[in-house]
Amino acid sequence: MSDTLTSKAVSLLQSLAVRGVEARRLTTDSRTVTTGDIFLAYPGHYADGRVYIDDAVARGAAVVLFEPYAASDMDRARLIENVLTHARKAGVVCEPIENLVALAGELAHQLCDRPSEKIWLAGVTGTNGKTSVSQWLLQALTHMGQRCAVVGTLGNGFMGDLQETGYTTPDVLQLHTALSGFVHQGATACVMEVSSIGLAEGRVQGVRFDVAIFTNLTRDHLDYHGTMDAYGEAKTQLFANPWIRAAVLNLDDVFSPVLAQAVRPGVRVIGYTLNAANVVAVQAALLLAAPGVTAVDILVAGNLQMTTTGLTFEVNGQLFSVPVVGRFNASNLMAVIAALVAKGEPLDRIAIALKQLQPAPGRMQPVGGEAEPLVIVDYAHTPDALENILAVSRELATVRGGQLVCVFGCGGNRDAGKRPVMGSIAERLADRVIVTSDNPRDENPQQIIQAILAGMLRPASVIEQRGLAITESIAQADARDVIVLAGKGHEAYQEIAGVREAFNDVDAAKSALVIRRQAGREVKNSMSIQQLPGIDQGEAFPAPSGRVRK
């Protein structure tokens, strides 16, 4: 299939050249068409590009490649044929292409001078953990002397210079253009977050991944995929990529054997786990499920310890000491280690690089602490992620001698079924819960809040305005308390009624702490972590159970 698409793309571009068309730029957005562009028109999840062919022609498109309509949709086919007839009379080359969405990536790959063939490229997929894993791979490779780029939720670019895009995985044409730009800027490696929606919509078509990485699969995006089966099926597409040379799988997640089935024979499979006791059984199950996989290299995190300053564990006799907190992050770190092993890096060199890691923005990001409440800002917006962040925050609250407060809401126009589930989780794991707004988008904020409350057995505080909820939670907290602000993480906006207003949880928390200090509400003589009897800042405490998160 890959060879067929490659030859088809090359032949098409050569055919256009013979007809005197200089292929310079591809676009799927008619509004961005300039003179001489190639406009690709095919149906998407939210819009059908074929509807905009006339607009693209009017703006100067030299070529229109379009997905033909099905035989059952002849009325629309006749309408589009009228548009194409006028376009051809105007000298525009119009070609019907079956499965154009698959060919689009290959065309972009060829037109951008095959950028993903010129760098080491890792794709990270999973419900939770994509951003942390990709950002830590970016940091580690940069510390190891690589010129590494990243594509993901926090933006595209190099370490310390990310440009926000608003997408986890960009449009297929934008993606190949970005990869080409990285190559021209001297990149030797790139790490990419690959979302299930991006996979379902063909956004990574034509990308030559070296390594595919899986973090976990839990409930999310059911508003888009409909079922967990369809959601999981989208994830398998990354591991079916015909160019990958290694597959990194989380053996603590039951979906890994399914992904292993998608891997072609000859691809190296590296599994990682936090549970040494299950290695033999998990390895046997994976090999049984995926006959094409003949061997699995397994990395086990042994002697895992969590302190207030980070994690320590051993992998194949190599000690790792990493300044990030949370058992779920141990799993994310193992994904990073496995990917670097797949790249050929030795464990001792990896350990040195990981010692320098910093948390990704909006991922268990601390604000305050010491003699005032410790605020944890986290992107947790799924049931699994919320459970994990509250579990580790409970341990921090216990060490501080305080209570755990959870401030969260759920996004509008997204999977509504998870709302009561998250309400139940927050009630079970936190001492106090304030239900507020996340990004209600086009939904009524109160309806979202009521759906969350439906999953709770006891009354909870409700403060619809998120900024006020954050201010009140910090104003009313004891200095020893831990307050989790969940759901928005790094986001610099809040979307209400379709309008994005500037807002950031970290900034709101900092402002609330200033107000608290000015009001004199902090307990002047409250003890910091270091002053608590019997607690040293480096003293280990038991790691909570739970699965990995984004």
Protein backbone atom coordinates (compact mmCIF):
# COMPACT_ATOMS: atom_id res chain seq x y z
CA MET A 1 0.00 0.00 0.00
CA SER A 2 2.77 2.46 0.94
CA ASP A 3 4.76 1.73 -2.23
CA THR A 4 1.60 2.12 -4.30
CA LEU A 5 0.82 5.52 -2.78
CA THR A 6 4.40 6.67 -3.23
CA SER A 7 4.50 5.71 -6.89
CA LYS A 8 1.05 7.20 -7.45
CA ALA A 9 2.09 10.52 -5.90
CA VAL A 10 5.32 10.67 -7.89
CA SER A 11 3.51 9.81 -11.14
CA LEU A 12 0.85 12.45 -10.52
CA LEU A 13 3.41 15.19 -9.86
CA GLN A 14 5.35 14.16 -12.97
CA SER A 15 2.13 14.21 -15.01
CA LEU A 16 1.38 17.74 -13.85
CA ALA A 17 4.90 18.82 -14.78
CA VAL A 18 4.47 17.41 -18.29
CA ARG A 19 1.32 19.50 -18.63
CA GLY A 20 3.26 22.59 -17.65
CA VAL A 21 1.96 22.81 -14.08
CA GLU A 22 4.66 23.67 -11.56
CA ALA A 23 3.49 22.09 -8.32
CA ARG A 24 4.46 24.56 -5.62
CA ARG A 25 1.97 24.37 -2.78
CA LEU A 26 -0.85 22.14 -1.63
CA THR A 27 -3.82 23.30 0.42
CA THR A 28 -7.12 21.90 1.66
CA ASP A 29 -8.47 25.31 2.69
CA SER A 30 -9.92 27.32 -0.19
CA ARG A 31 -9.51 30.52 1.81
CA THR A 32 -5.73 30.17 1.69
CA VAL A 33 -5.47 29.45 -2.04
CA THR A 34 -3.12 31.68 -4.02
CA THR A 35 -2.32 31.69 -7.73
CA GLY A 36 -0.82 28.40 -8.90
CA ASP A 37 -1.79 26.30 -5.86
CA ILE A 38 -3.04 22.71 -5.90
CA PHE A 39 -6.37 22.47 -4.08
CA LEU A 40 -7.27 19.11 -2.53
CA ALA A 41 -11.01 18.59 -2.09
CA TYR A 42 -12.29 15.64 -0.07
CA PRO A 43 -14.89 15.06 2.66
CA GLY A 44 -13.84 15.55 6.28
CA HIS A 45 -15.52 14.99 9.63
CA TYR A 46 -16.99 18.49 9.85
CA ALA A 47 -16.89 19.83 6.28
CA ASP A 48 -16.65 18.66 2.66
CA GLY A 49 -13.86 20.35 0.73
CA ARG A 50 -15.59 19.64 -2.57
CA VAL A 51 -18.17 22.29 -1.73
CA TYR A 52 -15.42 24.92 -1.95
CA ILE A 53 -13.93 24.01 -5.34
CA ASP A 54 -15.46 27.07 -7.02
CA ASP A 55 -13.98 29.33 -4.33
CA ALA A 56 -10.54 27.76 -4.78
CA VAL A 57 -10.72 28.22 -8.56
CA ALA A 58 -11.80 31.84 -8.14
CA ARG A 59 -8.75 32.46 -5.94
CA GLY A 60 -6.34 31.12 -8.56
CA ALA A 61 -5.94 27.38 -8.03
CA ALA A 62 -4.07 25.82 -10.96
CA VAL A 63 -5.04 22.25 -10.06
CA VAL A 64 -8.02 20.71 -8.30
CA LEU A 65 -7.69 17.13 -7.07
CA PHE A 66 -10.99 15.84 -5.75
CA GLU A 67 -12.50 12.71 -4.23
CA PRO A 68 -15.24 11.46 -6.58
CA TYR A 69 -18.74 11.14 -5.16
CA ALA A 70 -20.18 7.68 -4.56
CA ALA A 71 -22.63 6.30 -7.11
CA SER A 72 -25.39 6.68 -4.53
CA ASP A 73 -24.83 10.44 -4.38
CA MET A 74 -25.32 11.39 -8.03
CA ASP A 75 -27.22 14.60 -7.30
CA ARG A 76 -24.17 16.11 -5.64
CA ALA A 77 -21.94 14.60 -8.31
CA ARG A 78 -23.87 16.46 -11.03
CA LEU A 79 -23.60 19.73 -9.14
CA ILE A 80 -19.85 19.37 -8.72
CA GLU A 81 -19.46 18.39 -12.38
CA ASN A 82 -20.91 21.74 -13.43
CA VAL A 83 -18.31 23.51 -11.31
CA LEU A 84 -15.53 21.33 -12.73
CA THR A 85 -16.64 21.99 -16.31
CA HIS A 86 -16.32 25.73 -15.81
CA ALA A 87 -12.96 25.26 -14.09
CA ARG A 88 -11.57 23.16 -16.93
CA LYS A 89 -12.71 25.75 -19.47
CA ALA A 90 -10.70 28.28 -17.47
CA GLY A 91 -7.58 26.12 -17.84
CA VAL A 92 -7.66 24.54 -14.39
CA VAL A 93 -6.48 20.92 -14.23
CA CYS A 94 -9.19 18.89 -12.46
CA GLU A 95 -8.49 15.26 -11.58
CA PRO A 96 -10.66 12.76 -9.66
CA ILE A 97 -8.58 10.75 -7.17
CA GLU A 98 -9.91 7.76 -5.25
CA ASN A 99 -8.92 7.76 -1.56
CA LEU A 100 -7.47 11.25 -1.90
CA VAL A 101 -7.06 11.65 1.87
CA ALA A 102 -4.48 8.85 1.85
CA LEU A 103 -2.66 10.27 -1.17
CA ALA A 104 -2.60 13.81 0.25
CA GLY A 105 0.12 12.99 2.77
CA GLU A 106 2.27 11.27 0.18
CA LEU A 107 1.91 14.23 -2.19
CA ALA A 108 2.94 16.57 0.61
CA HIS A 109 5.86 14.32 1.54
CA GLN A 110 7.17 14.39 -2.03
CA LEU A 111 6.51 18.09 -2.61
CA CYS A 112 8.26 19.02 0.66
CA ASP A 113 11.33 16.99 -0.40
CA ARG A 114 10.64 14.00 1.88
CA PRO A 115 11.46 15.68 5.23
CA SER A 116 10.50 12.81 7.56
CA GLU A 117 13.09 10.58 5.86
CA LYS A 118 15.84 12.97 6.93
CA ILE A 119 15.31 12.92 10.70
CA TRP A 120 14.70 10.38 13.48
CA LEU A 121 10.96 10.64 14.12
CA ALA A 122 8.93 9.30 17.05
CA GLY A 123 5.13 9.32 17.24
CA VAL A 124 3.43 9.21 20.66
CA THR A 125 -0.19 8.12 20.99
CA GLY A 126 -2.45 7.27 23.93
CA THR A 127 -5.29 8.80 25.93
CA ASN A 128 -3.04 10.34 28.56
CA GLY A 129 0.67 11.01 28.68
CA LYS A 130 1.30 12.15 25.10
CA THR A 131 2.38 15.65 26.04
CA SER A 132 4.59 14.64 28.96
CA VAL A 133 6.30 11.88 26.98
CA SER A 134 6.86 14.06 23.92
CA GLN A 135 8.12 17.03 25.95
CA TRP A 136 10.48 14.82 27.97
CA LEU A 137 11.81 13.16 24.83
CA LEU A 138 12.36 16.66 23.44
CA GLN A 139 14.23 17.71 26.58
CA ALA A 140 16.25 14.50 26.83
CA LEU A 141 17.36 14.51 23.20
CA THR A 142 18.24 18.20 23.41
CA HIS A 143 20.34 17.56 26.54
CA MET A 144 22.01 14.69 24.66
CA GLY A 145 23.14 17.07 21.94
CA GLN A 146 20.44 16.44 19.35
CA ARG A 147 18.72 19.25 17.48
CA CYS A 148 15.23 18.01 18.33
CA ALA A 149 11.86 19.48 17.35
CA VAL A 150 8.40 18.69 18.68
CA VAL A 151 4.83 18.75 17.35
CA GLY A 152 2.04 18.67 19.89
CA THR A 153 -0.49 20.21 22.23
CA LEU A 154 1.91 22.85 23.58
CA GLY A 155 2.98 23.92 20.09
CA ASN A 156 5.44 23.14 17.33
CA GLY A 157 9.14 23.99 17.29
CA PHE A 158 12.28 23.54 19.32
CA MET A 159 12.87 23.52 23.08
CA GLY A 160 12.20 27.00 24.43
CA ASP A 161 10.72 28.20 21.13
CA LEU A 162 7.29 26.64 20.55
CA GLN A 163 4.65 28.17 18.29
CA GLU A 164 1.09 27.41 19.37
CA THR A 165 -1.19 25.92 16.72
CA GLY A 166 -4.34 24.98 18.62
CA TYR A 167 -4.03 21.36 17.47
CA THR A 168 -2.37 18.29 18.93
CA THR A 169 -1.74 16.91 15.43
CA PRO A 170 -1.88 19.48 12.59
CA ASP A 171 -3.52 19.10 9.19
CA VAL A 172 -1.58 16.69 6.96
CA LEU A 173 -0.28 19.44 4.67
CA GLN A 174 0.70 21.73 7.55
CA LEU A 175 2.45 18.79 9.19
CA HIS A 176 4.72 17.98 6.26
CA THR A 177 5.43 21.69 5.81
CA ALA A 178 6.40 21.93 9.49
CA LEU A 179 8.69 18.90 9.21
CA SER A 180 10.34 20.47 6.16
CA GLY A 181 10.89 23.65 8.16
CA PHE A 182 12.49 21.69 11.00
CA VAL A 183 14.89 20.01 8.56
CA HIS A 184 15.89 23.37 7.10
CA GLN A 185 16.56 24.59 10.65
CA GLY A 186 18.98 21.74 11.25
CA ALA A 187 16.75 19.26 13.08
CA THR A 188 18.13 15.75 13.52
CA ALA A 189 15.13 14.43 15.45
CA CYS A 190 11.46 15.17 16.03
CA VAL A 191 8.86 13.92 18.50
CA MET A 192 5.20 14.14 17.57
CA GLU A 193 2.00 13.77 19.57
CA VAL A 194 -0.36 11.70 17.42
CA SER A 195 -4.00 12.00 18.46
CA SER A 196 -6.71 9.47 17.65
CA ILE A 197 -8.62 12.16 15.75
CA GLY A 198 -5.48 13.01 13.79
CA LEU A 199 -5.08 9.34 12.89
CA ALA A 200 -8.75 8.92 11.94
CA GLU A 201 -8.57 11.97 9.68
CA GLY A 202 -5.35 10.91 7.95
CA ARG A 203 -3.26 13.79 9.29
CA VAL A 204 -0.07 11.70 9.52
CA GLN A 205 -0.39 10.05 6.11
CA GLY A 206 2.97 9.88 4.36
CA VAL A 207 4.99 10.47 7.54
CA ARG A 208 7.95 8.10 7.93
CA PHE A 209 7.95 7.34 11.66
CA ASP A 210 10.93 5.48 13.09
CA VAL A 211 9.30 4.69 16.45
CA ALA A 212 5.65 4.41 17.52
CA ILE A 213 5.00 4.86 21.26
CA PHE A 214 1.85 3.87 23.18
CA THR A 215 1.06 5.24 26.65
CA ASN A 216 -2.44 3.95 27.53
CA LEU A 217 -6.04 3.72 26.43
CA THR A 218 -8.88 4.97 28.64
CA ARG A 219 -12.14 6.80 27.99
CA ASP A 220 -11.95 9.97 25.88
CA HIS A 221 -13.16 11.43 22.57
CA LEU A 222 -16.27 9.24 22.45
CA ASP A 223 -18.15 12.28 21.14
CA TYR A 224 -16.01 11.86 18.00
CA HIS A 225 -15.36 8.10 17.73
CA GLY A 226 -18.65 6.88 19.17
CA THR A 227 -17.28 3.72 20.81
CA MET A 228 -14.15 2.59 22.61
CA ASP A 229 -13.60 0.03 19.85
CA ALA A 230 -13.51 2.76 17.20
CA TYR A 231 -11.30 4.88 19.45
CA GLY A 232 -8.85 2.02 19.86
CA GLU A 233 -8.94 1.18 16.16
CA ALA A 234 -7.77 4.70 15.36
CA LYS A 235 -4.76 4.21 17.65
CA THR A 236 -3.73 1.04 15.82
CA GLN A 237 -3.10 3.02 12.64
CA LEU A 238 0.12 4.46 14.04
CA PHE A 239 1.51 0.98 14.69
CA ALA A 240 0.49 -0.16 11.21
CA ASN A 241 2.65 2.63 9.74
CA PRO A 242 4.75 0.79 7.14
CA TRP A 243 7.95 2.66 7.98
CA ILE A 244 8.25 2.17 11.75
CA ARG A 245 11.29 0.24 12.90
CA ALA A 246 10.34 -0.04 16.58
CA ALA A 247 7.11 -0.18 18.58
CA VAL A 248 7.13 0.89 22.23
CA LEU A 249 4.22 -0.57 24.22
CA ASN A 250 2.95 -0.09 27.77
CA LEU A 251 2.65 -3.68 29.02
CA ASP A 252 0.58 -2.49 31.99
CA ASP A 253 -2.23 -1.57 29.59
CA VAL A 254 -4.47 -4.34 28.25
CA PHE A 255 -4.64 -2.71 24.81
CA SER A 256 -0.97 -3.32 24.02
CA PRO A 257 -1.50 -6.84 22.58
CA VAL A 258 -4.06 -5.36 20.16
CA LEU A 259 -1.51 -2.82 18.97
CA ALA A 260 1.11 -5.55 18.63
CA GLN A 261 -1.15 -7.26 16.11
CA ALA A 262 -0.91 -4.19 13.87
CA VAL A 263 2.90 -4.25 13.81
CA ARG A 264 4.41 -5.76 10.68
CA PRO A 265 6.91 -8.64 10.99
CA GLY A 266 10.48 -7.52 11.59
CA VAL A 267 9.63 -4.45 13.66
CA ARG A 268 11.39 -4.39 17.03
CA VAL A 269 8.93 -4.44 19.94
CA ILE A 270 9.97 -2.93 23.27
CA GLY A 271 7.60 -3.26 26.20
CA TYR A 272 7.82 -1.31 29.45
CA THR A 273 6.19 -2.05 32.79
CA LEU A 274 6.09 -1.04 36.43
CA ASN A 275 5.05 -4.55 37.47
CA ALA A 276 7.89 -7.09 37.39
CA ALA A 277 5.65 -9.88 38.69
CA ASN A 278 3.55 -9.89 35.52
CA VAL A 279 6.36 -9.81 32.95
CA VAL A 280 6.27 -13.48 31.94
CA ALA A 281 2.47 -13.63 31.67
CA VAL A 282 2.21 -10.34 29.77
CA GLN A 283 4.98 -11.29 27.37
CA ALA A 284 3.32 -14.64 26.65
CA ALA A 285 -0.07 -12.99 26.08
CA LEU A 286 1.41 -10.45 23.70
CA LEU A 287 3.27 -13.05 21.64
CA LEU A 288 0.14 -15.21 21.49
CA ALA A 289 -2.01 -12.28 20.35
CA ALA A 290 0.46 -11.12 17.71
CA PRO A 291 2.01 -14.05 15.79
CA GLY A 292 3.97 -11.60 13.65
CA VAL A 293 5.93 -10.52 16.73
CA THR A 294 8.64 -13.07 17.46
CA ALA A 295 10.30 -11.38 20.44
CA VAL A 296 9.69 -8.58 22.93
CA ASP A 297 12.41 -6.63 24.71
CA ILE A 298 11.09 -5.74 28.16
CA LEU A 299 12.18 -2.86 30.38
CA VAL A 300 11.06 -3.10 34.02
CA ALA A 301 11.07 -0.23 36.51
CA GLY A 302 12.29 -1.80 39.74
CA ASN A 303 12.52 -0.44 43.29
CA LEU A 304 10.28 2.52 42.45
CA GLN A 305 10.32 5.23 45.12
CA MET A 306 8.50 8.57 45.12
CA THR A 307 9.65 11.51 47.21
CA THR A 308 8.47 15.09 47.44
CA THR A 309 11.16 16.03 44.94
CA GLY A 310 10.87 13.27 42.36
CA LEU A 311 11.11 9.60 41.43
CA THR A 312 13.87 7.03 41.69
CA PHE A 313 13.85 3.57 40.11
CA GLU A 314 16.11 1.06 38.43
CA VAL A 315 16.03 -0.30 34.89
CA ASN A 316 18.29 -3.26 34.11
CA GLY A 317 20.59 -2.27 36.98
CA GLN A 318 20.77 1.40 35.96
CA LEU A 319 19.58 3.86 38.61
CA PHE A 320 17.32 6.70 37.47
CA SER A 321 16.65 9.78 39.60
CA VAL A 322 14.21 12.15 37.92
CA PRO A 323 12.80 15.42 39.35
CA VAL A 324 9.13 14.71 38.55
CA VAL A 325 6.46 13.38 40.91
CA GLY A 326 3.74 10.75 40.53
CA ARG A 327 3.55 7.03 39.85
CA PHE A 328 1.78 7.71 36.55
CA ASN A 329 4.83 9.75 35.57
CA ALA A 330 7.03 6.72 36.24
CA SER A 331 5.15 4.99 33.43
CA ASN A 332 5.55 8.04 31.18
CA LEU A 333 9.28 8.09 31.94
CA MET A 334 9.56 4.41 31.05
CA ALA A 335 8.03 5.22 27.66
CA VAL A 336 10.73 7.87 27.19
CA ILE A 337 13.48 5.43 28.20
CA ALA A 338 12.16 2.72 25.88
CA ALA A 339 12.01 5.15 22.95
CA LEU A 340 15.60 6.23 23.55
CA VAL A 341 16.68 2.59 23.80
CA ALA A 342 14.95 2.02 20.45
CA LYS A 343 17.02 4.90 19.08
CA GLY A 344 20.18 3.15 20.25
CA GLU A 345 21.04 5.24 23.31
CA PRO A 346 22.68 3.44 26.30
CA LEU A 347 20.90 3.46 29.67
CA ASP A 348 23.68 5.33 31.51
CA ARG A 349 23.51 8.20 29.03
CA ILE A 350 19.71 8.24 29.22
CA ALA A 351 19.87 8.43 33.04
CA ILE A 352 22.08 11.54 32.87
CA ALA A 353 19.68 13.26 30.47
CA LEU A 354 16.57 12.40 32.49
CA LYS A 355 18.10 13.85 35.65
CA GLN A 356 17.68 17.27 34.00
CA LEU A 357 13.99 16.95 33.07
CA GLN A 358 11.42 19.58 33.96
CA PRO A 359 7.63 19.04 34.13
CA ALA A 360 5.75 20.04 31.02
CA PRO A 361 3.70 23.25 31.42
CA GLY A 362 0.28 22.55 32.90
CA ARG A 363 1.21 18.99 33.80
CA MET A 364 1.31 18.65 37.58
CA GLN A 365 2.66 22.21 37.67
CA PRO A 366 3.11 23.50 41.25
CA VAL A 367 2.22 27.03 42.33
CA GLY A 368 2.71 28.31 45.87
CA GLY A 369 3.51 25.90 48.68
CA GLU A 370 5.85 26.36 51.64
CA ALA A 371 3.84 28.51 54.11
CA GLU A 372 0.77 28.75 51.90
CA PRO A 373 -1.48 26.29 50.06
CA LEU A 374 0.20 24.19 47.38
CA VAL A 375 -1.69 24.55 44.11
CA ILE A 376 -1.28 21.86 41.44
CA VAL A 377 -2.32 22.86 37.91
CA ASP A 378 -2.94 19.89 35.66
CA TYR A 379 -4.49 19.19 32.26
CA ALA A 380 -6.38 16.16 33.64
CA HIS A 381 -9.61 16.16 31.64
CA THR A 382 -10.44 12.45 31.52
CA PRO A 383 -11.62 10.16 34.35
CA ASP A 384 -8.34 8.25 34.39
CA ALA A 385 -6.22 11.39 34.42
CA LEU A 386 -8.29 12.99 37.20
CA GLU A 387 -8.00 9.86 39.32
CA ASN A 388 -4.22 9.79 38.90
CA ILE A 389 -3.61 13.45 39.68
CA LEU A 390 -5.83 13.29 42.77
CA ALA A 391 -4.15 10.09 43.98
CA VAL A 392 -0.66 11.57 43.90
CA SER A 393 -1.91 14.91 45.27
CA ARG A 394 -3.44 13.05 48.21
CA GLU A 395 0.03 11.80 49.09
CA LEU A 396 1.35 15.36 48.94
CA ALA A 397 -1.50 16.58 51.15
CA THR A 398 -0.78 13.81 53.67
CA VAL A 399 2.89 14.79 53.86
CA ARG A 400 1.92 18.45 54.32
CA GLY A 401 -0.66 17.55 56.98
CA GLY A 402 -3.48 19.20 55.06
CA GLN A 403 -6.59 18.41 53.08
CA LEU A 404 -7.04 17.85 49.35
CA VAL A 405 -9.25 20.26 47.42
CA CYS A 406 -10.31 19.64 43.82
CA VAL A 407 -11.51 22.42 41.50
CA PHE A 408 -12.65 21.16 38.11
CA GLY A 409 -15.26 21.18 35.36
CA CYS A 410 -15.80 19.39 32.06
CA GLY A 411 -15.56 20.68 28.51
CA GLY A 412 -18.63 21.41 26.44
CA ASN A 413 -19.33 19.77 23.07
CA ARG A 414 -17.29 16.79 24.17
CA ASP A 415 -18.00 13.32 25.59
CA ALA A 416 -20.87 14.01 28.01
CA GLY A 417 -20.79 10.51 29.46
CA LYS A 418 -17.60 11.12 31.40
CA ARG A 419 -19.05 14.03 33.41
CA PRO A 420 -20.80 12.08 36.21
CA VAL A 421 -17.89 9.62 36.27
CA MET A 422 -15.45 12.46 36.96
CA GLY A 423 -17.79 13.89 39.59
CA SER A 424 -17.76 10.55 41.39
CA ILE A 425 -13.96 10.33 41.21
CA ALA A 426 -13.49 13.85 42.59
CA GLU A 427 -15.89 13.19 45.47
CA ARG A 428 -14.21 9.89 46.34
CA LEU A 429 -10.61 11.14 46.31
CA ALA A 430 -10.80 14.77 47.48
CA ASP A 431 -11.83 16.18 50.86
CA ARG A 432 -13.56 19.13 49.21
CA VAL A 433 -14.78 19.62 45.66
CA ILE A 434 -15.64 22.85 43.86
CA VAL A 435 -17.40 22.21 40.55
CA THR A 436 -16.85 25.01 38.05
CA SER A 437 -16.62 25.63 34.31
CA ASP A 438 -13.90 24.29 32.03
CA ASN A 439 -14.44 25.30 28.38
CA PRO A 440 -18.25 25.15 28.07
CA ARG A 441 -17.96 26.13 24.41
CA ASP A 442 -21.49 26.18 22.95
CA GLU A 443 -23.15 24.33 25.84
CA ASN A 444 -24.94 25.82 28.82
CA PRO A 445 -22.37 25.80 31.68
CA GLN A 446 -25.03 24.96 34.27
CA GLN A 447 -26.13 21.89 32.33
CA ILE A 448 -22.55 20.62 32.29
CA ILE A 449 -22.22 21.27 36.02
CA GLN A 450 -25.49 19.45 36.75
CA ALA A 451 -24.24 16.44 34.77
CA ILE A 452 -21.11 16.36 36.95
CA LEU A 453 -23.16 16.67 40.15
CA ALA A 454 -25.32 13.73 39.03
CA GLY A 455 -22.38 11.45 39.72
CA MET A 456 -21.88 12.70 43.27
CA LEU A 457 -23.62 11.35 46.36
CA ARG A 458 -23.17 14.46 48.52
CA PRO A 459 -23.73 18.16 47.79
CA ALA A 460 -20.68 19.94 46.37
CA SER A 461 -19.77 23.60 46.13
CA VAL A 462 -20.60 25.12 42.76
CA ILE A 463 -18.94 28.30 41.50
CA GLU A 464 -19.58 28.60 37.77
CA GLN A 465 -17.01 31.33 37.09
CA ARG A 466 -13.67 29.51 37.03
CA GLY A 467 -11.56 32.47 38.11
CA LEU A 468 -13.77 33.04 41.15
CA ALA A 469 -13.72 29.32 41.98
CA ILE A 470 -9.92 29.36 42.01
CA THR A 471 -9.79 32.53 44.11
CA GLU A 472 -12.29 31.17 46.65
CA SER A 473 -10.60 27.77 46.92
CA ILE A 474 -7.26 29.40 47.73
CA ALA A 475 -8.75 32.05 50.03
CA GLN A 476 -10.56 29.45 52.14
CA ALA A 477 -7.76 26.87 52.24
CA ASP A 478 -5.48 26.11 55.15
CA ALA A 479 -1.81 26.79 54.50
CA ARG A 480 -1.13 23.04 54.54
CA ASP A 481 -3.79 22.16 51.95
CA VAL A 482 -3.19 20.97 48.42
CA ILE A 483 -5.52 22.38 45.75
CA VAL A 484 -5.78 20.65 42.38
CA LEU A 485 -6.96 22.80 39.47
CA ALA A 486 -7.82 20.16 36.89
CA GLY A 487 -8.81 20.24 33.25
CA LYS A 488 -7.14 23.17 31.53
CA GLY A 489 -3.45 22.92 32.34
CA HIS A 490 -1.37 25.06 29.98
CA GLU A 491 -4.34 26.60 28.13
CA ALA A 492 -4.24 30.39 27.89
CA TYR A 493 -7.94 30.84 27.21
CA GLN A 494 -11.42 29.86 28.31
CA GLU A 495 -14.02 29.26 25.60
CA ILE A 496 -17.54 30.34 26.52
CA ALA A 497 -20.40 30.58 24.00
CA GLY A 498 -17.92 30.08 21.18
CA VAL A 499 -15.71 32.99 22.26
CA ARG A 500 -12.19 32.49 23.61
CA GLU A 501 -11.26 34.87 26.40
CA ALA A 502 -7.76 35.15 27.86
CA PHE A 503 -7.51 32.92 30.94
CA ASN A 504 -4.85 30.72 32.49
CA ASP A 505 -5.11 28.57 35.63
CA VAL A 506 -1.50 29.24 36.67
CA ASP A 507 -1.96 33.00 36.40
CA ALA A 508 -5.28 32.80 38.24
CA ALA A 509 -3.67 30.78 41.05
CA LYS A 510 -0.78 33.21 41.39
CA SER A 511 -3.17 36.16 41.56
CA ALA A 512 -5.31 34.38 44.17
CA LEU A 513 -2.24 33.68 46.31
CA VAL A 514 -1.30 37.37 46.16
CA ILE A 515 -4.82 38.30 47.29
CA ARG A 516 -4.58 35.75 50.09
CA ARG A 517 -1.27 37.19 51.30
CA GLN A 518 -2.61 40.72 51.19
CA ALA A 519 -5.65 39.66 53.18
CA GLY A 520 -3.40 38.02 55.76
CA ARG A 521 -5.24 34.72 55.53
CA GLU A 522 -2.14 32.54 55.49
CA VAL A 523 -1.29 30.84 58.75
CA LYS A 524 1.91 32.64 59.71
CA ASN A 525 3.26 29.85 61.85
CA SER A 526 2.22 26.90 59.69
CA MET A 527 5.00 24.46 59.01
CA SER A 528 6.44 23.81 55.57
CA ILE A 529 7.06 20.27 54.37
CA GLN A 530 10.62 20.34 55.70
CA GLN A 531 9.38 21.33 59.19
CA LEU A 532 6.81 18.57 59.58
CA PRO A 533 7.90 16.14 62.32
CA GLY A 534 9.60 13.06 60.93
CA ILE A 535 9.41 14.26 57.32
CA ASP A 536 12.52 15.00 55.33
CA GLN A 537 12.01 16.59 51.90
CA GLY A 538 13.75 13.63 50.32
CA GLU A 539 11.97 10.98 52.39
CA ALA A 540 10.11 8.43 50.32
CA PHE A 541 6.43 7.70 50.70
CA PRO A 542 4.41 4.92 49.06
CA ALA A 543 3.56 5.46 45.41
CA PRO A 544 -0.22 5.38 44.84
CA SER A 545 -1.69 2.82 42.50
CA GLY A 546 -3.24 3.99 39.26
CA ARG A 547 -2.75 4.17 35.54
CA VAL A 548 -0.78 6.60 33.44
CA ARG A 549 -2.20 9.89 32.25
CA LYS A 550 -1.62 12.45 29.57
